[in-house]
C-alpha cells in the first residue's frame, strides 16, 4: 500500500524545502555580495577582489556547513 501525502502536507513540505534550500541560500548570497561591495567602496578597491574573496572563502565554507546540517536533519 502506498502512503500518500495530503494536499496540505505536500504544500507545507514544498514551502519548507523551497525556503531552506533555495531562498535562504539566495538571501545569504545577496548579503555576501552586498557586504563585498560595501568593503570595496570603503577601501576603494577597483578590482572586484572583496566580493571574490568573500564568496570563495566565506560563502563556500558556509554553504557546505549549512547544507550538511540542513540535509542531515530530519523534518
N, C-alpha and C. Protein backbone atom coordinates (compact mmCIF):
# COMPACT_ATOMS: atom_id res chain seq x y z
N UNK A 1 0.84 -1.17 0.00
CA UNK A 1 0.00 0.00 0.00
C UNK A 1 0.89 1.24 0.00
N UNK A 2 0.54 2.20 -0.80
CA UNK A 2 1.31 3.43 -0.94
C UNK A 2 0.79 4.46 0.06
N UNK A 3 1.73 5.04 0.80
CA UNK A 3 1.37 6.08 1.77
C UNK A 3 1.50 7.43 1.08
N UNK A 4 0.40 8.10 0.81
CA UNK A 4 0.40 9.36 0.09
C UNK A 4 0.20 10.53 1.05
N UNK A 5 0.77 11.65 0.67
CA UNK A 5 0.61 12.87 1.45
C UNK A 5 -0.70 13.54 1.08
N UNK A 6 -1.24 14.24 2.05
CA UNK A 6 -2.41 15.06 1.73
C UNK A 6 -1.93 16.31 1.01
N UNK A 7 -2.84 17.04 0.43
CA UNK A 7 -2.50 18.27 -0.29
C UNK A 7 -1.83 19.28 0.64
N UNK A 8 -2.33 19.40 1.86
CA UNK A 8 -1.77 20.35 2.82
C UNK A 8 -0.34 19.94 3.22
N UNK A 9 -0.13 18.65 3.48
CA UNK A 9 1.22 18.18 3.81
C UNK A 9 2.20 18.42 2.67
N UNK A 10 1.74 18.20 1.45
CA UNK A 10 2.58 18.43 0.27
C UNK A 10 2.97 19.90 0.15
N UNK A 11 2.01 20.80 0.32
CA UNK A 11 2.29 22.23 0.23
C UNK A 11 3.23 22.70 1.33
N UNK A 12 3.06 22.19 2.54
CA UNK A 12 3.96 22.55 3.64
C UNK A 12 5.38 22.04 3.38
N UNK A 13 5.50 20.85 2.83
CA UNK A 13 6.82 20.30 2.50
C UNK A 13 7.49 21.12 1.42
N UNK A 14 6.76 21.50 0.39
CA UNK A 14 7.32 22.33 -0.68
C UNK A 14 7.75 23.68 -0.15
N UNK A 15 6.94 24.30 0.71
CA UNK A 15 7.31 25.59 1.30
C UNK A 15 8.55 25.47 2.17
N UNK A 16 8.63 24.42 2.95
CA UNK A 16 9.77 24.21 3.83
C UNK A 16 11.06 24.07 3.03
N UNK A 17 11.07 23.16 2.06
CA UNK A 17 12.28 22.94 1.27
C UNK A 17 12.56 24.11 0.33
N UNK A 18 11.53 24.76 -0.17
CA UNK A 18 11.73 25.93 -1.02
C UNK A 18 12.44 27.04 -0.28
N UNK A 19 12.08 27.25 0.97
CA UNK A 19 12.75 28.30 1.76
C UNK A 19 14.14 27.86 2.18
N UNK A 20 14.24 26.69 2.79
CA UNK A 20 15.51 26.27 3.40
C UNK A 20 16.58 25.87 2.39
N UNK A 21 16.20 25.44 1.21
CA UNK A 21 17.20 25.00 0.24
C UNK A 21 17.37 25.95 -0.94
N UNK A 22 16.45 26.92 -1.12
CA UNK A 22 16.58 27.85 -2.24
C UNK A 22 16.63 29.29 -1.76
N UNK A 23 15.61 29.74 -1.05
CA UNK A 23 15.51 31.16 -0.70
C UNK A 23 16.55 31.59 0.34
N UNK A 24 16.75 30.83 1.38
CA UNK A 24 17.71 31.21 2.41
C UNK A 24 19.13 31.30 1.86
N UNK A 25 19.61 30.30 1.09
CA UNK A 25 20.95 30.46 0.48
C UNK A 25 21.02 31.63 -0.49
N UNK A 26 19.94 31.91 -1.22
CA UNK A 26 19.93 33.05 -2.12
C UNK A 26 20.06 34.36 -1.35
N UNK A 27 19.37 34.48 -0.22
CA UNK A 27 19.49 35.67 0.62
C UNK A 27 20.90 35.83 1.17
N UNK A 28 21.54 34.72 1.52
CA UNK A 28 22.92 34.78 2.01
C UNK A 28 23.86 35.24 0.90
N UNK A 29 23.66 34.75 -0.33
CA UNK A 29 24.49 35.18 -1.46
C UNK A 29 24.34 36.67 -1.71
N UNK A 30 23.13 37.18 -1.64
CA UNK A 30 22.91 38.61 -1.83
C UNK A 30 23.58 39.41 -0.72
N UNK A 31 23.51 38.92 0.51
CA UNK A 31 24.17 39.60 1.63
C UNK A 31 25.69 39.59 1.46
N UNK A 32 26.26 38.48 1.04
CA UNK A 32 27.71 38.40 0.81
C UNK A 32 28.12 39.38 -0.29
N UNK A 33 27.34 39.43 -1.36
CA UNK A 33 27.63 40.35 -2.46
C UNK A 33 27.56 41.80 -1.99
N UNK A 34 26.55 42.13 -1.19
CA UNK A 34 26.39 43.49 -0.69
C UNK A 34 27.53 43.87 0.24
N UNK A 35 27.89 43.00 1.15
CA UNK A 35 29.00 43.29 2.07
C UNK A 35 30.30 43.45 1.30
N UNK A 36 30.53 42.60 0.31
CA UNK A 36 31.72 42.74 -0.53
C UNK A 36 31.75 44.06 -1.27
N UNK A 37 30.60 44.48 -1.77
CA UNK A 37 30.52 45.77 -2.46
C UNK A 37 30.79 46.93 -1.53
N UNK A 38 30.25 46.88 -0.31
CA UNK A 38 30.48 47.94 0.66
C UNK A 38 31.96 48.01 1.04
N UNK A 39 32.59 46.86 1.22
CA UNK A 39 34.02 46.84 1.54
C UNK A 39 34.83 47.44 0.40
N UNK A 40 34.46 47.12 -0.84
CA UNK A 40 35.16 47.69 -1.99
C UNK A 40 35.01 49.21 -2.03
N UNK A 41 33.83 49.70 -1.73
CA UNK A 41 33.60 51.15 -1.74
C UNK A 41 34.38 51.81 -0.62
N UNK A 42 34.34 51.25 0.57
CA UNK A 42 35.03 51.86 1.71
C UNK A 42 36.54 51.89 1.54
N UNK A 43 37.11 50.81 1.02
CA UNK A 43 38.56 50.72 0.88
C UNK A 43 39.05 51.06 -0.53
N UNK A 44 38.12 51.47 -1.38
CA UNK A 44 38.42 51.91 -2.74
C UNK A 44 39.18 50.87 -3.57
N UNK A 45 38.73 49.61 -3.48
CA UNK A 45 39.25 48.57 -4.35
C UNK A 45 38.54 48.69 -5.69
N UNK A 46 39.27 48.64 -6.76
CA UNK A 46 38.68 48.72 -8.09
C UNK A 46 38.74 47.39 -8.83
N UNK A 47 39.25 46.36 -8.17
CA UNK A 47 39.48 45.08 -8.85
C UNK A 47 38.35 44.07 -8.66
N UNK A 48 37.42 44.33 -7.79
CA UNK A 48 36.38 43.36 -7.51
C UNK A 48 36.87 42.22 -6.64
N UNK A 49 37.90 42.47 -5.86
CA UNK A 49 38.55 41.43 -5.08
C UNK A 49 37.73 41.04 -3.85
N UNK A 50 37.12 41.99 -3.19
CA UNK A 50 36.42 41.71 -1.93
C UNK A 50 35.27 40.73 -2.14
N UNK A 51 34.50 40.92 -3.19
CA UNK A 51 33.38 40.02 -3.45
C UNK A 51 33.89 38.61 -3.73
N UNK A 52 34.95 38.51 -4.49
CA UNK A 52 35.51 37.20 -4.82
C UNK A 52 36.04 36.50 -3.58
N UNK A 53 36.75 37.24 -2.73
CA UNK A 53 37.29 36.65 -1.51
C UNK A 53 36.16 36.22 -0.58
N UNK A 54 35.15 37.05 -0.41
CA UNK A 54 34.03 36.71 0.46
C UNK A 54 33.30 35.47 -0.05
N UNK A 55 33.04 35.42 -1.33
CA UNK A 55 32.30 34.29 -1.88
C UNK A 55 33.15 33.02 -1.85
N UNK A 56 34.43 33.15 -2.20
CA UNK A 56 35.29 31.96 -2.28
C UNK A 56 35.57 31.38 -0.91
N UNK A 57 35.92 32.21 0.05
CA UNK A 57 36.32 31.69 1.36
C UNK A 57 35.12 31.53 2.29
N UNK A 58 34.39 32.60 2.49
CA UNK A 58 33.28 32.54 3.44
C UNK A 58 32.06 31.84 2.91
N UNK A 59 31.68 32.13 1.67
CA UNK A 59 30.44 31.60 1.12
C UNK A 59 30.45 30.11 0.92
N UNK A 60 31.51 29.59 0.32
CA UNK A 60 31.57 28.16 0.04
C UNK A 60 31.63 27.36 1.34
N UNK A 61 32.45 27.81 2.27
CA UNK A 61 32.52 27.13 3.57
C UNK A 61 31.20 27.16 4.31
N UNK A 62 30.51 28.30 4.26
CA UNK A 62 29.21 28.42 4.92
C UNK A 62 28.20 27.48 4.29
N UNK A 63 28.16 27.42 2.96
CA UNK A 63 27.17 26.57 2.30
C UNK A 63 27.44 25.10 2.53
N UNK A 64 28.69 24.70 2.59
CA UNK A 64 28.99 23.31 2.92
C UNK A 64 28.46 22.97 4.31
N UNK A 65 28.74 23.86 5.27
CA UNK A 65 28.26 23.67 6.63
C UNK A 65 26.73 23.68 6.69
N UNK A 66 26.10 24.65 6.01
CA UNK A 66 24.64 24.79 6.05
C UNK A 66 23.95 23.57 5.45
N UNK A 67 24.35 23.19 4.24
CA UNK A 67 23.67 22.07 3.59
C UNK A 67 23.95 20.75 4.29
N UNK A 68 25.12 20.60 4.87
CA UNK A 68 25.41 19.37 5.62
C UNK A 68 24.46 19.26 6.81
N UNK A 69 24.26 20.35 7.53
CA UNK A 69 23.37 20.33 8.68
C UNK A 69 21.90 20.28 8.26
N UNK A 70 21.54 21.03 7.23
CA UNK A 70 20.13 21.12 6.82
C UNK A 70 19.65 19.81 6.19
N UNK A 71 20.46 19.21 5.36
CA UNK A 71 20.05 17.97 4.72
C UNK A 71 20.19 16.77 5.65
N UNK A 72 21.03 16.92 6.69
CA UNK A 72 21.24 15.83 7.62
C UNK A 72 20.13 15.67 8.64
N UNK A 73 19.44 16.76 8.96
CA UNK A 73 18.39 16.64 9.98
C UNK A 73 17.08 16.23 9.33
N UNK A 74 16.33 15.52 10.08
CA UNK A 74 15.05 15.04 9.57
C UNK A 74 13.96 16.00 10.02
N UNK A 75 13.07 16.26 9.14
CA UNK A 75 11.98 17.20 9.39
C UNK A 75 10.95 16.59 10.28
